C-alpha atoms as a PDB file:
ATOM      1  CA  ARG A   1     -15.683   6.033  19.718  1.00  0.00           C
ATOM      2  CA  PHE A   2     -15.672   7.219  23.151  1.00  0.00           C
ATOM      3  CA  GLY A   3     -12.021   8.800  22.388  1.00  0.00           C
ATOM      4  CA  MET A   4     -10.947   6.179  20.512  1.00  0.00           C
ATOM      5  CA  MET A   5     -11.396   5.599  16.276  1.00  0.00           C
ATOM      6  CA  SER A   6     -14.247   3.446  15.567  1.00  0.00           C
ATOM      7  CA  ALA A   7     -14.435  -0.383  14.774  1.00  0.00           C
ATOM      8  CA  GLN A   8     -14.468   0.017  11.155  1.00  0.00           C
ATOM      9  CA  MET A   9     -11.607   2.471  10.982  1.00  0.00           C
ATOM     10  CA  LYS A  10      -9.806   0.335  13.375  1.00  0.00           C
ATOM     11  CA  ALA A  11     -10.237  -2.544  10.933  1.00  0.00           C
ATOM     12  CA  PHE A  12      -9.281  -0.834   8.056  1.00  0.00           C
ATOM     13  CA  PHE A  13      -6.093  -0.134   9.479  1.00  0.00           C
ATOM     14  CA  ASP A  14      -5.615  -3.787  10.880  1.00  0.00           C
ATOM     15  CA  ALA A  15      -5.452  -4.818   7.224  1.00  0.00           C
ATOM     16  CA  THR A  16      -2.876  -3.197   6.393  1.00  0.00           C
ATOM     17  CA  GLY A  17      -0.313  -5.381   7.752  1.00  0.00           C
ATOM     18  CA  GLY A  18       0.893  -6.195   4.260  1.00  0.00           C
ATOM     19  CA  LEU A  19       1.941  -2.328   4.143  1.00  0.00           C
ATOM     20  CA  TRP A  20       3.526  -2.318   7.056  1.00  0.00           C
ATOM     21  CA  GLN A  21       5.541  -5.456   6.093  1.00  0.00           C
ATOM     22  CA  LYS A  22       6.867  -3.449   2.890  1.00  0.00           C
ATOM     23  CA  GLY A  23       7.286  -0.473   4.667  1.00  0.00           C
ATOM     24  CA  ALA A  24       5.296   0.918   1.528  1.00  0.00           C
ATOM     25  CA  LEU A  25       3.626   3.926   4.084  1.00  0.00           C
ATOM     26  CA  ALA A  26       7.138   4.993   5.853  1.00  0.00           C
ATOM     27  CA  GLY A  27       7.463   8.905   5.051  1.00  0.00           C
ATOM     28  CA  LYS A  28       4.039   9.183   3.798  1.00  0.00           C
ATOM     29  CA  ALA A  29       2.517  12.191   5.374  1.00  0.00           C
ATOM     30  CA  ALA A  30      -1.166  11.786   7.078  1.00  0.00           C
ATOM     31  CA  SER A  31      -3.238  13.404   8.613  1.00  0.00           C
ATOM     32  CA  MET A  32      -6.981  12.955  10.521  1.00  0.00           C
ATOM     33  CA  PHE A  33     -10.391  14.524  11.113  1.00  0.00           C
ATOM     34  CA  THR A  34     -13.010  13.321  13.753  1.00  0.00           C
ATOM     35  CA  SER A  35     -17.109  13.732  13.678  1.00  0.00           C
ATOM     36  CA  THR A  36     -18.616  13.528  17.096  1.00  0.00           C
ATOM     37  CA  ALA A  37     -22.081  13.468  18.574  1.00  0.00           C
ATOM     38  CA  THR A  38     -21.349  16.050  21.204  1.00  0.00           C
ATOM     39  CA  GLN A  39     -18.602  18.266  22.513  1.00  0.00           C
ATOM     40  CA  GLY A  40     -16.597  16.764  24.593  1.00  0.00           C
ATOM     41  CA  SER A  41     -17.031  13.501  22.923  1.00  0.00           C
ATOM     42  CA  GLY A  42     -13.216  12.916  22.811  1.00  0.00           C
ATOM     43  CA  GLN A  43     -12.440  14.538  19.508  1.00  0.00           C
ATOM     44  CA  GLU A  44      -8.596  15.216  20.495  1.00  0.00           C
ATOM     45  CA  THR A  45      -8.303  11.793  22.420  1.00  0.00           C
ATOM     46  CA  THR A  46      -9.552  10.237  19.294  1.00  0.00           C
ATOM     47  CA  ILE A  47      -6.637  11.552  16.942  1.00  0.00           C
ATOM     48  CA  LEU A  48      -4.259  11.350  19.471  1.00  0.00           C
ATOM     49  CA  THR A  49      -4.645   7.602  20.221  1.00  0.00           C
ATOM     50  CA  ALA A  50      -5.156   6.954  16.288  1.00  0.00           C
ATOM     51  CA  VAL A  51      -1.788   8.530  15.427  1.00  0.00           C
ATOM     52  CA  THR A  52      -0.285   5.417  17.130  1.00  0.00           C
ATOM     53  CA  GLN A  53      -1.473   3.789  13.553  1.00  0.00           C
ATOM     54  CA  LEU A  54       0.734   5.974  11.875  1.00  0.00           C
ATOM     55  CA  ALA A  55       3.347   5.700  13.868  1.00  0.00           C
ATOM     56  CA  HIS A  56       3.851   2.036  12.990  1.00  0.00           C
ATOM     57  CA  HIS A  57       4.198   2.191   9.979  1.00  0.00           C
ATOM     58  CA  GLY A  58       6.697   5.333   9.894  1.00  0.00           C
ATOM     59  CA  MET A  59       4.115   7.823   8.890  1.00  0.00           C
ATOM     60  CA  ILE A  60       4.579  11.810   9.620  1.00  0.00           C
ATOM     61  CA  TYR A  61       1.674  13.027  11.033  1.00  0.00           C
ATOM     62  CA  VAL A  62       0.744  16.664  10.016  1.00  0.00           C
ATOM     63  CA  PRO A  63      -1.726  18.160  12.690  1.00  0.00           C
ATOM     64  CA  THR A  64      -3.518  21.439  11.620  1.00  0.00           C
ATOM     65  CA  GLY A  65      -2.500  23.411  14.903  1.00  0.00           C
ATOM     66  CA  TYR A  66      -4.344  26.721  15.291  1.00  0.00           C
ATOM     67  CA  GLY A  67      -3.364  27.457  11.616  1.00  0.00           C
ATOM     68  CA  SER A  68      -6.959  27.732  10.593  1.00  0.00           C
ATOM     69  CA  GLY A  69      -7.101  30.789  12.243  1.00  0.00           C
ATOM     70  CA  SER A  70      -9.565  32.931  14.603  1.00  0.00           C
ATOM     71  CA  ALA A  71     -12.468  31.242  13.876  1.00  0.00           C
ATOM     72  CA  MET A  72     -11.171  28.332  16.165  1.00  0.00           C
ATOM     73  CA  TYR A  73     -11.023  30.884  19.172  1.00  0.00           C
ATOM     74  CA  GLY A  74     -14.516  31.666  19.112  1.00  0.00           C
ATOM     75  CA  LEU A  75     -17.364  30.966  21.621  1.00  0.00           C
ATOM     76  CA  ASP A  76     -20.434  32.026  20.110  1.00  0.00           C
ATOM     77  CA  ALA A  77     -21.349  28.607  18.685  1.00  0.00           C
ATOM     78  CA  PRO A  78     -20.534  24.855  18.959  1.00  0.00           C
ATOM     79  CA  LYS A  79     -17.703  23.561  17.056  1.00  0.00           C
ATOM     80  CA  GLY A  80     -15.830  20.706  16.516  1.00  0.00           C
ATOM     81  CA  GLY A  81     -12.072  20.777  16.021  1.00  0.00           C
ATOM     82  CA  SER A  82      -8.274  20.857  17.704  1.00  0.00           C
ATOM     83  CA  PRO A  83      -4.861  21.345  16.969  1.00  0.00           C
ATOM     84  CA  TRP A  84      -4.706  17.590  16.300  1.00  0.00           C
ATOM     85  CA  GLY A  85      -7.128  18.087  13.146  1.00  0.00           C
ATOM     86  CA  ALA A  86     -10.623  19.071  11.984  1.00  0.00           C
ATOM     87  CA  GLY A  87     -13.509  17.912  13.379  1.00  0.00           C
ATOM     88  CA  THR A  88     -17.868  18.359  13.272  1.00  0.00           C
ATOM     89  CA  LEU A  89     -20.066  17.971  15.851  1.00  0.00           C
ATOM     90  CA  ALA A  90     -22.714  15.547  13.855  1.00  0.00           C
ATOM     91  CA  GLY A  91     -25.361  15.557  17.003  1.00  0.00           C
ATOM     92  CA  ALA A  92     -26.731  12.685  18.935  1.00  0.00           C
ATOM     93  CA  ASP A  93     -28.533  11.287  15.585  1.00  0.00           C
ATOM     94  CA  GLY A  94     -26.404  12.478  13.203  1.00  0.00           C
ATOM     95  CA  SER A  95     -28.225  15.011  11.816  1.00  0.00           C
ATOM     96  CA  ARG A  96     -25.849  18.038  12.171  1.00  0.00           C
ATOM     97  CA  GLN A  97     -23.871  19.487   9.002  1.00  0.00           C
ATOM     98  CA  PRO A  98     -20.532  20.774   9.604  1.00  0.00           C
ATOM     99  CA  SER A  99     -20.842  24.562  10.347  1.00  0.00           C
ATOM    100  CA  ALA A 100     -19.084  27.303   8.045  1.00  0.00           C
ATOM    101  CA  VAL A 101     -16.242  27.081  10.849  1.00  0.00           C
ATOM    102  CA  GLU A 102     -16.077  23.266  10.813  1.00  0.00           C
ATOM    103  CA  LEU A 103     -15.418  23.618   7.100  1.00  0.00           C
ATOM    104  CA  GLU A 104     -12.967  26.428   6.872  1.00  0.00           C
ATOM    105  CA  GLN A 105     -10.662  24.492   9.393  1.00  0.00           C
ATOM    106  CA  ALA A 106     -11.198  21.247   7.103  1.00  0.00           C
ATOM    107  CA  VAL A 107     -10.429  23.044   4.234  1.00  0.00           C
ATOM    108  CA  PHE A 108      -7.442  24.138   5.596  1.00  0.00           C
ATOM    109  CA  GLU A 109      -5.733  20.883   6.858  1.00  0.00           C
ATOM    110  CA  GLY A 110      -6.286  19.768   3.575  1.00  0.00           C
ATOM    111  CA  LYS A 111      -4.215  22.327   1.692  1.00  0.00           C
ATOM    112  CA  ASN A 112      -1.906  22.339   4.466  1.00  0.00           C
ATOM    113  CA  LEU A 113      -1.420  18.465   4.030  1.00  0.00           C
ATOM    114  CA  ALA A 114      -0.954  19.085   0.905  1.00  0.00           C
ATOM    115  CA  THR A 115       1.787  22.093   1.348  1.00  0.00           C
ATOM    116  CA  VAL A 116       3.261  19.302   3.562  1.00  0.00           C
ATOM    117  CA  VAL A 117       3.768  16.476   0.840  1.00  0.00           C
ATOM    118  CA  LYS A 118       4.945  18.763  -1.922  1.00  0.00           C
ATOM    119  CA  LYS A 119       7.984  19.983   0.361  1.00  0.00           C
ATOM    120  CA  LEU A 120       8.395  15.929   1.008  1.00  0.00           C
ATOM    121  CA  THR A 121       8.039  15.228  -2.499  1.00  0.00           C
ATOM    122  CA  ALA A 122      10.207  17.967  -4.202  1.00  0.00           C
END
């Protein structure tokens, strides 16, 4: 929230101390996505500040970059997402559903992460 992960997500990461002590997540690939009420609500900053959690675990962050293609560049409709990860705009009341472009970016992010995981485990 406000450019930071939600309190619930922070509590989840705070509960991973045992995994951190064992190094259980070191070298594992991870990616992140966001949902905010409006454009400019900190989607990039939220992921940027959350990556610190992954770094403490020794995880490998896999961003989307601009790999999902030209749909990310369009200005014809509001949309979430950034090179840091897929995102959606939920609207102030949370009622907006992800657009086709936002879903396309999310699918790309999942496939990209899976490709990296396969390479790391080969």
